[in-house]
């Protein structure tokens, strides 16, 4: 079992690794496969975090509402950038600059979040933190796997996201994936 801060940090490391593979690859097929994986990981992570972690932060931390308001604004910007990136062909001149700018914003967000999550973990007991991490992972199975910035960052996101998820998952079946990390297995 892992604490919520460890689960989120693990997701962040996966995203960093996928980004490095994309920007360091000179193979179009590999870039496309890892672009799909990056999109899949980030979209699911962001929505699951909003649905699971944000309510816990609001409930537990003294400045929880302000923290989640800021996080939602940052997530909105990231989702908009991911929405552009997910539809780019790797041969497009905007491909690498787009993911680079996206990753710069995401890196700053991840740094801020590390502090927030350490703070959250200090207020939670071990079991409560582990349950939150488990809930985060479970939620990822039911949320959209592509960016939908038009879905509002509100409690209604749950319903709207659940409606978008099956269509995303259907599209995922026809995408190229890194063999060892295919979400379709």
N, C-alpha and C. Protein backbone atom coordinates (compact mmCIF):
# COMPACT_ATOMS: atom_id res chain seq x y z
N UNK A 1 0.84 -1.18 0.00
CA UNK A 1 0.00 0.00 0.00
C UNK A 1 0.89 1.25 0.00
N UNK A 2 0.45 2.25 -0.72
CA UNK A 2 1.19 3.51 -0.80
C UNK A 2 0.30 4.65 -0.32
N UNK A 3 0.93 5.67 0.17
CA UNK A 3 0.21 6.88 0.59
C UNK A 3 -0.21 7.65 -0.66
N UNK A 4 -1.14 8.57 -0.52
CA UNK A 4 -1.62 9.35 -1.64
C UNK A 4 -0.48 10.18 -2.26
N UNK A 5 0.39 10.73 -1.44
CA UNK A 5 1.50 11.51 -1.98
C UNK A 5 2.41 10.64 -2.84
N UNK A 6 2.62 9.40 -2.45
CA UNK A 6 3.46 8.48 -3.23
C UNK A 6 2.78 8.08 -4.54
N UNK A 7 1.47 7.87 -4.50
CA UNK A 7 0.74 7.50 -5.72
C UNK A 7 0.79 8.63 -6.75
N UNK A 8 0.59 9.86 -6.29
CA UNK A 8 0.63 11.01 -7.20
C UNK A 8 2.05 11.20 -7.73
N UNK A 9 3.04 11.07 -6.86
CA UNK A 9 4.43 11.22 -7.29
C UNK A 9 4.79 10.16 -8.32
N UNK A 10 4.30 8.95 -8.14
CA UNK A 10 4.54 7.88 -9.11
C UNK A 10 3.95 8.26 -10.48
N UNK A 11 2.75 8.80 -10.49
CA UNK A 11 2.14 9.27 -11.75
C UNK A 11 3.00 10.35 -12.39
N UNK A 12 3.50 11.26 -11.57
CA UNK A 12 4.33 12.35 -12.10
C UNK A 12 5.60 11.79 -12.74
N UNK A 13 6.21 10.82 -12.11
CA UNK A 13 7.43 10.22 -12.67
C UNK A 13 7.14 9.53 -14.00
N UNK A 14 6.00 8.85 -14.10
CA UNK A 14 5.62 8.21 -15.37
C UNK A 14 5.50 9.26 -16.47
N UNK A 15 4.84 10.37 -16.16
CA UNK A 15 4.66 11.43 -17.15
C UNK A 15 6.01 12.01 -17.58
N UNK A 16 6.90 12.21 -16.63
CA UNK A 16 8.23 12.73 -16.97
C UNK A 16 8.98 11.75 -17.87
N UNK A 17 8.88 10.47 -17.57
CA UNK A 17 9.55 9.45 -18.37
C UNK A 17 8.98 9.39 -19.79
N UNK A 18 7.67 9.45 -19.90
CA UNK A 18 7.02 9.43 -21.22
C UNK A 18 7.43 10.66 -22.03
N UNK A 19 7.46 11.81 -21.38
CA UNK A 19 7.89 13.04 -22.04
C UNK A 19 9.31 12.89 -22.58
N UNK A 20 10.21 12.38 -21.75
CA UNK A 20 11.61 12.20 -22.18
C UNK A 20 11.71 11.27 -23.38
N UNK A 21 10.93 10.22 -23.38
CA UNK A 21 10.94 9.30 -24.51
C UNK A 21 10.47 10.00 -25.78
N UNK A 22 9.42 10.78 -25.67
CA UNK A 22 8.88 11.49 -26.85
C UNK A 22 9.89 12.47 -27.41
N UNK A 23 10.44 13.32 -26.57
CA UNK A 23 11.33 14.38 -27.08
C UNK A 23 12.69 13.84 -27.50
N UNK A 24 13.10 12.70 -27.00
CA UNK A 24 14.40 12.15 -27.37
C UNK A 24 14.33 11.14 -28.51
N UNK A 25 13.14 10.77 -28.92
CA UNK A 25 12.98 9.80 -30.00
C UNK A 25 13.05 10.49 -31.35
N UNK A 26 13.61 9.79 -32.30
CA UNK A 26 13.62 10.28 -33.68
C UNK A 26 12.76 9.38 -34.56
N UNK A 27 12.06 8.46 -33.94
CA UNK A 27 11.21 7.51 -34.64
C UNK A 27 9.75 7.95 -34.54
N UNK A 28 9.13 8.24 -35.66
CA UNK A 28 7.75 8.76 -35.68
C UNK A 28 6.77 7.78 -35.04
N UNK A 29 6.93 6.50 -35.31
CA UNK A 29 6.02 5.51 -34.74
C UNK A 29 6.15 5.48 -33.22
N UNK A 30 7.38 5.52 -32.72
CA UNK A 30 7.59 5.53 -31.28
C UNK A 30 7.01 6.81 -30.65
N UNK A 31 7.22 7.94 -31.29
CA UNK A 31 6.67 9.19 -30.77
C UNK A 31 5.15 9.13 -30.70
N UNK A 32 4.53 8.58 -31.71
CA UNK A 32 3.07 8.47 -31.73
C UNK A 32 2.57 7.56 -30.62
N UNK A 33 3.23 6.42 -30.45
CA UNK A 33 2.83 5.48 -29.41
C UNK A 33 2.94 6.12 -28.01
N UNK A 34 4.04 6.82 -27.79
CA UNK A 34 4.24 7.42 -26.48
C UNK A 34 3.41 8.70 -26.30
N UNK A 35 3.09 9.36 -27.38
CA UNK A 35 2.14 10.49 -27.32
C UNK A 35 0.79 9.98 -26.82
N UNK A 36 0.33 8.87 -27.36
CA UNK A 36 -0.94 8.28 -26.92
C UNK A 36 -0.87 7.88 -25.45
N UNK A 37 0.25 7.28 -25.04
CA UNK A 37 0.39 6.87 -23.64
C UNK A 37 0.45 8.08 -22.72
N UNK A 38 1.18 9.11 -23.11
CA UNK A 38 1.28 10.34 -22.32
C UNK A 38 -0.10 10.97 -22.14
N UNK A 39 -0.84 11.08 -23.23
CA UNK A 39 -2.20 11.65 -23.18
C UNK A 39 -3.09 10.82 -22.26
N UNK A 40 -3.04 9.52 -22.42
CA UNK A 40 -3.85 8.60 -21.63
C UNK A 40 -3.54 8.76 -20.14
N UNK A 41 -2.24 8.79 -19.81
CA UNK A 41 -1.83 8.91 -18.40
C UNK A 41 -2.24 10.26 -17.81
N UNK A 42 -1.94 11.34 -18.52
CA UNK A 42 -2.20 12.67 -17.98
C UNK A 42 -3.69 12.97 -17.87
N UNK A 43 -4.46 12.62 -18.87
CA UNK A 43 -5.90 12.89 -18.83
C UNK A 43 -6.55 12.17 -17.65
N UNK A 44 -6.24 10.90 -17.50
CA UNK A 44 -6.83 10.11 -16.41
C UNK A 44 -6.35 10.61 -15.05
N UNK A 45 -5.07 10.93 -14.96
CA UNK A 45 -4.50 11.42 -13.70
C UNK A 45 -5.20 12.71 -13.26
N UNK A 46 -5.32 13.65 -14.19
CA UNK A 46 -5.89 14.97 -13.85
C UNK A 46 -7.33 14.84 -13.35
N UNK A 47 -8.13 14.10 -14.07
CA UNK A 47 -9.55 13.98 -13.69
C UNK A 47 -9.70 13.20 -12.39
N UNK A 48 -8.96 12.11 -12.25
CA UNK A 48 -9.04 11.31 -11.02
C UNK A 48 -8.60 12.15 -9.82
N UNK A 49 -7.57 12.94 -10.01
CA UNK A 49 -7.10 13.82 -8.93
C UNK A 49 -8.18 14.82 -8.53
N UNK A 50 -8.85 15.38 -9.54
CA UNK A 50 -9.91 16.36 -9.25
C UNK A 50 -11.08 15.71 -8.51
N UNK A 51 -11.37 14.47 -8.84
CA UNK A 51 -12.51 13.80 -8.23
C UNK A 51 -12.21 13.20 -6.86
N UNK A 52 -10.96 12.81 -6.63
CA UNK A 52 -10.61 12.11 -5.39
C UNK A 52 -9.81 12.99 -4.45
N UNK A 53 -8.75 13.61 -4.94
CA UNK A 53 -7.83 14.34 -4.07
C UNK A 53 -8.37 15.71 -3.70
N UNK A 54 -8.93 16.43 -4.67
CA UNK A 54 -9.42 17.77 -4.36
C UNK A 54 -10.46 17.79 -3.23
N UNK A 55 -11.44 16.88 -3.24
CA UNK A 55 -12.38 16.89 -2.10
C UNK A 55 -11.69 16.63 -0.76
N UNK A 56 -10.67 15.76 -0.76
CA UNK A 56 -9.96 15.49 0.49
C UNK A 56 -9.20 16.73 0.96
N UNK A 57 -8.57 17.43 0.02
CA UNK A 57 -7.84 18.66 0.36
C UNK A 57 -8.81 19.70 0.93
N UNK A 58 -9.96 19.85 0.27
CA UNK A 58 -10.95 20.83 0.74
C UNK A 58 -11.46 20.49 2.13
N UNK A 59 -11.61 19.21 2.39
CA UNK A 59 -12.15 18.77 3.68
C UNK A 59 -11.12 18.88 4.80
N UNK A 60 -9.86 18.58 4.52
CA UNK A 60 -8.86 18.40 5.56
C UNK A 60 -7.98 19.62 5.79
N UNK A 61 -7.57 20.28 4.74
CA UNK A 61 -6.60 21.38 4.91
C UNK A 61 -7.30 22.70 5.24
N UNK A 62 -6.71 23.48 6.11
CA UNK A 62 -7.31 24.77 6.48
C UNK A 62 -7.52 25.70 5.28
N UNK A 63 -6.61 25.67 4.32
CA UNK A 63 -6.73 26.51 3.13
C UNK A 63 -7.15 25.67 1.91
N UNK A 64 -7.88 24.60 2.17
CA UNK A 64 -8.23 23.63 1.14
C UNK A 64 -8.97 24.20 -0.06
N UNK A 65 -9.93 25.08 0.17
CA UNK A 65 -10.70 25.64 -0.95
C UNK A 65 -9.82 26.49 -1.86
N UNK A 66 -8.96 27.30 -1.26
CA UNK A 66 -8.06 28.14 -2.06
C UNK A 66 -7.08 27.27 -2.85
N UNK A 67 -6.59 26.21 -2.21
CA UNK A 67 -5.64 25.30 -2.86
C UNK A 67 -6.29 24.62 -4.06
N UNK A 68 -7.49 24.09 -3.87
CA UNK A 68 -8.13 23.40 -4.98
C UNK A 68 -8.59 24.36 -6.07
N UNK A 69 -8.96 25.56 -5.72
CA UNK A 69 -9.31 26.56 -6.75
C UNK A 69 -8.10 26.82 -7.65
N UNK A 70 -6.93 26.99 -7.05
CA UNK A 70 -5.71 27.21 -7.82
C UNK A 70 -5.38 25.98 -8.67
N UNK A 71 -5.50 24.80 -8.06
CA UNK A 71 -5.23 23.57 -8.80
C UNK A 71 -6.17 23.40 -9.98
N UNK A 72 -7.43 23.72 -9.80
CA UNK A 72 -8.39 23.60 -10.90
C UNK A 72 -8.04 24.53 -12.05
N UNK A 73 -7.60 25.75 -11.73
CA UNK A 73 -7.18 26.67 -12.79
C UNK A 73 -5.97 26.11 -13.54
N UNK A 74 -5.01 25.58 -12.78
CA UNK A 74 -3.83 24.99 -13.41
C UNK A 74 -4.21 23.77 -14.25
N UNK A 75 -5.09 22.94 -13.73
CA UNK A 75 -5.55 21.76 -14.49
C UNK A 75 -6.25 22.19 -15.76
N UNK A 76 -7.03 23.23 -15.69
CA UNK A 76 -7.74 23.71 -16.87
C UNK A 76 -6.75 24.10 -17.97
N UNK A 77 -5.71 24.82 -17.61
CA UNK A 77 -4.69 25.22 -18.58
C UNK A 77 -3.98 23.98 -19.15
N UNK A 78 -3.63 23.05 -18.28
CA UNK A 78 -2.96 21.83 -18.72
C UNK A 78 -3.86 21.02 -19.65
N UNK A 79 -5.14 20.91 -19.32
CA UNK A 79 -6.07 20.16 -20.17
C UNK A 79 -6.22 20.81 -21.54
N UNK A 80 -6.25 22.13 -21.58
CA UNK A 80 -6.34 22.82 -22.87
C UNK A 80 -5.11 22.54 -23.72
N UNK A 81 -3.94 22.57 -23.11
CA UNK A 81 -2.71 22.28 -23.85
C UNK A 81 -2.65 20.81 -24.27
N UNK A 82 -3.09 19.91 -23.40
CA UNK A 82 -3.12 18.50 -23.74
C UNK A 82 -4.09 18.24 -24.88
N UNK A 83 -5.20 18.96 -24.89
CA UNK A 83 -6.17 18.83 -25.96
C UNK A 83 -5.54 19.15 -27.33
N UNK A 84 -4.70 20.15 -27.37
CA UNK A 84 -3.99 20.50 -28.62
C UNK A 84 -2.99 19.40 -28.95
N UNK A 85 -2.18 19.02 -27.96
CA UNK A 85 -1.11 18.03 -28.19
C UNK A 85 -1.67 16.68 -28.63
N UNK A 86 -2.73 16.22 -28.02
CA UNK A 86 -3.24 14.87 -28.30
C UNK A 86 -3.67 14.70 -29.75
N UNK A 87 -3.98 15.79 -30.43
CA UNK A 87 -4.44 15.70 -31.82
C UNK A 87 -3.36 16.02 -32.85
N UNK A 88 -2.15 16.33 -32.38
CA UNK A 88 -1.06 16.67 -33.31
C UNK A 88 -0.40 15.41 -33.85
N UNK A 89 -0.06 15.45 -35.11
CA UNK A 89 0.75 14.41 -35.70
C UNK A 89 2.20 14.71 -35.35
N UNK A 90 3.00 13.70 -35.09
CA UNK A 90 4.38 13.95 -34.66
C UNK A 90 5.21 14.63 -35.75
N UNK A 91 4.74 14.63 -36.99
CA UNK A 91 5.44 15.33 -38.06
C UNK A 91 5.09 16.82 -38.11
N UNK A 92 4.10 17.22 -37.35
CA UNK A 92 3.70 18.62 -37.29
C UNK A 92 4.79 19.43 -36.58
N UNK A 93 5.13 20.56 -37.12
CA UNK A 93 6.18 21.42 -36.55
C UNK A 93 5.84 21.86 -35.12
N UNK A 94 4.56 21.83 -34.75
CA UNK A 94 4.15 22.23 -33.40
C UNK A 94 4.26 21.11 -32.37
N UNK A 95 4.53 19.89 -32.82
CA UNK A 95 4.50 18.72 -31.94
C UNK A 95 5.44 18.86 -30.74
N UNK A 96 6.73 18.98 -30.98
CA UNK A 96 7.70 19.07 -29.87
C UNK A 96 7.57 20.37 -29.08
N UNK A 97 7.39 21.53 -29.74
CA UNK A 97 7.19 22.75 -28.94
C UNK A 97 5.95 22.67 -28.04
N UNK A 98 4.89 22.05 -28.53
CA UNK A 98 3.65 21.97 -27.75
C UNK A 98 3.85 21.10 -26.51
N UNK A 99 4.45 19.93 -26.67
CA UNK A 99 4.64 19.08 -25.47
C UNK A 99 5.68 19.70 -24.53
N UNK A 100 6.63 20.44 -25.08
CA UNK A 100 7.63 21.08 -24.22
C UNK A 100 6.99 22.15 -23.34
N UNK A 101 6.15 22.97 -23.92
CA UNK A 101 5.46 24.01 -23.15
C UNK A 101 4.49 23.36 -22.16
N UNK A 102 3.79 22.33 -22.60
CA UNK A 102 2.88 21.59 -21.72
C UNK A 102 3.66 21.03 -20.52
N UNK A 103 4.81 20.45 -20.78
CA UNK A 103 5.58 19.84 -19.71
C UNK A 103 6.15 20.89 -18.77
N UNK A 104 6.52 22.05 -19.28
CA UNK A 104 7.00 23.13 -18.41
C UNK A 104 5.93 23.53 -17.41
N UNK A 105 4.71 23.72 -17.89
CA UNK A 105 3.60 24.06 -16.99
C UNK A 105 3.29 22.93 -16.03
N UNK A 106 3.34 21.72 -16.53
CA UNK A 106 3.06 20.55 -15.70
C UNK A 106 4.13 20.37 -14.63
N UNK A 107 5.38 20.63 -14.98
CA UNK A 107 6.47 20.49 -14.01
C UNK A 107 6.28 21.47 -12.84
N UNK A 108 5.93 22.69 -13.15
CA UNK A 108 5.69 23.67 -12.08
C UNK A 108 4.50 23.24 -11.21
N UNK A 109 3.46 22.77 -11.85
CA UNK A 109 2.28 22.29 -11.13
C UNK A 109 2.66 21.11 -10.22
N UNK A 110 3.48 20.20 -10.72
CA UNK A 110 3.89 19.03 -9.93
C UNK A 110 4.73 19.45 -8.72
N UNK A 111 5.58 20.47 -8.89
CA UNK A 111 6.37 20.97 -7.76
C UNK A 111 5.45 21.52 -6.67
N UNK A 112 4.50 22.34 -7.08
CA UNK A 112 3.55 22.91 -6.11
C UNK A 112 2.75 21.80 -5.42
N UNK A 113 2.36 20.84 -6.20
CA UNK A 113 1.52 19.76 -5.70
C UNK A 113 2.27 18.89 -4.69
N UNK A 114 3.57 18.74 -4.87
CA UNK A 114 4.37 17.95 -3.93
C UNK A 114 4.24 18.51 -2.52
N UNK A 115 4.28 19.82 -2.42
CA UNK A 115 4.13 20.49 -1.13
C UNK A 115 2.72 20.29 -0.58
N UNK A 116 1.72 20.48 -1.44
CA UNK A 116 0.33 20.30 -1.02
C UNK A 116 0.07 18.88 -0.52
N UNK A 117 0.62 17.90 -1.23
CA UNK A 117 0.37 16.50 -0.86
C UNK A 117 1.09 16.12 0.42
N UNK A 118 2.27 16.65 0.63
CA UNK A 118 2.96 16.41 1.91
C UNK A 118 2.14 17.00 3.05
N UNK A 119 1.57 18.17 2.81
CA UNK A 119 0.71 18.80 3.80
C UNK A 119 -0.54 17.95 4.05
N UNK A 120 -1.14 17.46 2.98
CA UNK A 120 -2.33 16.61 3.11
C UNK A 120 -1.99 15.35 3.90
N UNK A 121 -0.87 14.71 3.54
CA UNK A 121 -0.47 13.49 4.24
C UNK A 121 -0.23 13.73 5.72
N UNK A 122 0.24 14.93 6.07
CA UNK A 122 0.48 15.22 7.49
C UNK A 122 -0.82 15.31 8.28
N UNK A 123 -1.93 15.60 7.61
CA UNK A 123 -3.23 15.67 8.27
C UNK A 123 -3.96 14.34 8.27
N UNK A 124 -3.58 13.44 7.36
CA UNK A 124 -4.26 12.15 7.24
C UNK A 124 -3.50 11.08 8.01
N UNK A 125 -4.23 10.10 8.48
CA UNK A 125 -3.59 8.92 9.04
C UNK A 125 -3.10 8.04 7.90
N UNK A 126 -2.24 7.10 8.21
CA UNK A 126 -1.68 6.21 7.20
C UNK A 126 -2.77 5.47 6.44
N UNK A 127 -3.71 4.90 7.16
CA UNK A 127 -4.78 4.13 6.51
C UNK A 127 -5.64 5.01 5.61
N UNK A 128 -5.97 6.19 6.08
CA UNK A 128 -6.79 7.12 5.29
C UNK A 128 -6.04 7.53 4.01
N UNK A 129 -4.75 7.78 4.11
CA UNK A 129 -3.94 8.17 2.96
C UNK A 129 -3.86 7.02 1.95
N UNK A 130 -3.68 5.81 2.46
CA UNK A 130 -3.62 4.63 1.58
C UNK A 130 -4.96 4.39 0.89
N UNK A 131 -6.06 4.59 1.60
CA UNK A 131 -7.38 4.44 0.99
C UNK A 131 -7.61 5.47 -0.11
N UNK A 132 -7.13 6.68 0.12
CA UNK A 132 -7.24 7.74 -0.89
C UNK A 132 -6.44 7.35 -2.14
N UNK A 133 -5.25 6.80 -1.95
CA UNK A 133 -4.42 6.36 -3.08
C UNK A 133 -5.12 5.23 -3.85
N UNK A 134 -5.72 4.32 -3.13
CA UNK A 134 -6.45 3.22 -3.76
C UNK A 134 -7.65 3.75 -4.54
N UNK A 135 -8.34 4.70 -3.98
CA UNK A 135 -9.49 5.32 -4.64
C UNK A 135 -9.05 6.05 -5.92
N UNK A 136 -7.91 6.72 -5.85
CA UNK A 136 -7.38 7.41 -7.03
C UNK A 136 -7.17 6.42 -8.17
N UNK A 137 -6.52 5.30 -7.87
CA UNK A 137 -6.25 4.29 -8.91
C UNK A 137 -7.54 3.69 -9.46
N UNK A 138 -8.49 3.41 -8.59
CA UNK A 138 -9.77 2.85 -9.04
C UNK A 138 -10.53 3.82 -9.93
N UNK A 139 -10.48 5.08 -9.57
CA UNK A 139 -11.21 6.11 -10.33
C UNK A 139 -10.67 6.23 -11.74
N UNK A 140 -9.38 6.02 -11.92
CA UNK A 140 -8.78 6.15 -13.26
C UNK A 140 -9.40 5.19 -14.27
N UNK A 141 -9.98 4.10 -13.80
CA UNK A 141 -10.59 3.13 -14.71
C UNK A 141 -11.87 3.67 -15.36
N UNK A 142 -12.48 4.67 -14.74
CA UNK A 142 -13.79 5.11 -15.19
C UNK A 142 -13.83 6.51 -15.79
N UNK A 143 -12.70 7.17 -15.85
CA UNK A 143 -12.68 8.56 -16.31
C UNK A 143 -12.19 8.63 -17.75
N UNK A 144 -12.39 9.77 -18.40
CA UNK A 144 -11.93 9.92 -19.79
C UNK A 144 -10.42 9.70 -19.91
N UNK A 145 -10.02 9.18 -21.07
CA UNK A 145 -8.60 8.93 -21.32
C UNK A 145 -8.02 9.92 -22.32
N UNK A 146 -8.78 10.95 -22.61
CA UNK A 146 -8.32 12.04 -23.46
C UNK A 146 -8.73 13.34 -22.79
N UNK A 147 -8.11 14.42 -23.22
CA UNK A 147 -8.43 15.70 -22.61
C UNK A 147 -9.72 16.25 -23.19
N UNK A 148 -10.56 16.75 -22.30
CA UNK A 148 -11.82 17.39 -22.67
C UNK A 148 -11.93 18.68 -21.89
N UNK A 149 -11.22 19.73 -22.33
CA UNK A 149 -11.24 20.96 -21.55
C UNK A 149 -12.62 21.61 -21.45
N UNK A 150 -13.52 21.19 -22.32
CA UNK A 150 -14.87 21.75 -22.26
C UNK A 150 -15.68 21.20 -21.10
N UNK A 151 -15.21 20.10 -20.49
CA UNK A 151 -15.88 19.55 -19.31
C UNK A 151 -15.49 20.44 -18.13
N UNK A 152 -16.45 21.00 -17.46
CA UNK A 152 -16.14 21.94 -16.37
C UNK A 152 -15.47 21.27 -15.18
N UNK A 153 -14.62 22.01 -14.50
CA UNK A 153 -13.97 21.53 -13.28
C UNK A 153 -14.89 21.79 -12.09
N UNK A 154 -16.00 21.11 -12.08
CA UNK A 154 -17.00 21.27 -11.03
C UNK A 154 -17.48 19.88 -10.62
N UNK A 155 -18.36 19.79 -9.63
CA UNK A 155 -18.91 18.47 -9.30
C UNK A 155 -19.63 17.81 -10.49
N UNK A 156 -20.08 18.59 -11.46
CA UNK A 156 -20.75 18.02 -12.63
C UNK A 156 -19.77 17.29 -13.53
N UNK A 157 -18.48 17.50 -13.30
CA UNK A 157 -17.46 16.84 -14.11
C UNK A 157 -17.62 15.32 -14.01
N UNK A 158 -18.00 14.83 -12.87
CA UNK A 158 -18.15 13.39 -12.69
C UNK A 158 -19.13 12.82 -13.70
N UNK A 159 -20.29 13.39 -13.79
CA UNK A 159 -21.32 12.90 -14.71
C UNK A 159 -20.88 13.09 -16.16
N UNK A 160 -20.42 14.28 -16.50
CA UNK A 160 -20.01 14.57 -17.87
C UNK A 160 -18.83 13.70 -18.27
N UNK A 161 -17.86 13.56 -17.38
CA UNK A 161 -16.69 12.73 -17.66
C UNK A 161 -17.05 11.27 -17.85
N UNK A 162 -17.98 10.78 -17.05
CA UNK A 162 -18.41 9.39 -17.20
C UNK A 162 -19.09 9.17 -18.55
N UNK A 163 -19.73 10.19 -19.08
CA UNK A 163 -20.36 10.07 -20.40
C UNK A 163 -19.32 10.08 -21.51
N UNK A 164 -18.23 10.84 -21.34
CA UNK A 164 -17.18 10.93 -22.35
C UNK A 164 -16.26 9.71 -22.33
N UNK A 165 -16.09 9.10 -21.17
CA UNK A 165 -15.12 8.01 -21.02
C UNK A 165 -15.33 6.84 -21.98
N UNK A 166 -16.56 6.32 -22.15
CA UNK A 166 -16.71 5.17 -23.06
C UNK A 166 -16.29 5.49 -24.50
N UNK A 167 -16.56 6.70 -24.94
CA UNK A 167 -16.15 7.08 -26.30
C UNK A 167 -14.63 7.16 -26.40
N UNK A 168 -14.00 7.70 -25.38
CA UNK A 168 -12.53 7.74 -25.35
C UNK A 168 -11.97 6.33 -25.39
N UNK A 169 -12.52 5.45 -24.59
CA UNK A 169 -12.00 4.10 -24.48
C UNK A 169 -12.19 3.34 -25.79
N UNK A 170 -13.26 3.63 -26.50
CA UNK A 170 -13.47 3.03 -27.82
C UNK A 170 -12.40 3.52 -28.80
N UNK A 171 -12.13 4.81 -28.79
CA UNK A 171 -11.08 5.36 -29.65
C UNK A 171 -9.71 4.79 -29.29
N UNK A 172 -9.48 4.55 -28.01
CA UNK A 172 -8.20 3.99 -27.56
C UNK A 172 -7.91 2.63 -28.21
N UNK A 173 -8.96 1.90 -28.52
CA UNK A 173 -8.79 0.58 -29.12
C UNK A 173 -8.11 0.66 -30.49
N UNK A 174 -8.18 1.80 -31.16
CA UNK A 174 -7.66 1.94 -32.51
C UNK A 174 -6.37 2.74 -32.58
N UNK A 175 -5.77 3.02 -31.43
CA UNK A 175 -4.53 3.79 -31.38
C UNK A 175 -3.33 2.86 -31.25
N UNK A 176 -2.19 3.40 -31.58
CA UNK A 176 -0.93 2.69 -31.37
C UNK A 176 -0.43 2.99 -29.97
N UNK A 177 0.09 1.94 -29.29
CA UNK A 177 0.57 2.05 -27.91
C UNK A 177 1.94 1.44 -27.80
N UNK A 178 2.73 1.90 -26.82
CA UNK A 178 3.98 1.19 -26.55
C UNK A 178 3.62 -0.23 -26.13
N UNK A 179 4.25 -1.22 -26.72
CA UNK A 179 3.86 -2.61 -26.45
C UNK A 179 3.84 -2.96 -24.98
N UNK A 180 4.86 -2.52 -24.24
CA UNK A 180 4.94 -2.91 -22.84
C UNK A 180 3.98 -2.15 -21.94
N UNK A 181 3.33 -1.09 -22.45
CA UNK A 181 2.50 -0.26 -21.59
C UNK A 181 1.08 -0.07 -22.13
N UNK A 182 0.65 -0.92 -23.02
CA UNK A 182 -0.64 -0.75 -23.64
C UNK A 182 -1.77 -0.79 -22.61
N UNK A 183 -2.60 0.25 -22.58
CA UNK A 183 -3.73 0.24 -21.65
C UNK A 183 -4.83 -0.71 -22.11
N UNK A 184 -4.69 -1.24 -23.30
CA UNK A 184 -5.73 -2.09 -23.86
C UNK A 184 -5.58 -3.54 -23.38
N UNK A 185 -4.55 -3.82 -22.60
CA UNK A 185 -4.36 -5.19 -22.10
C UNK A 185 -5.00 -5.39 -20.75
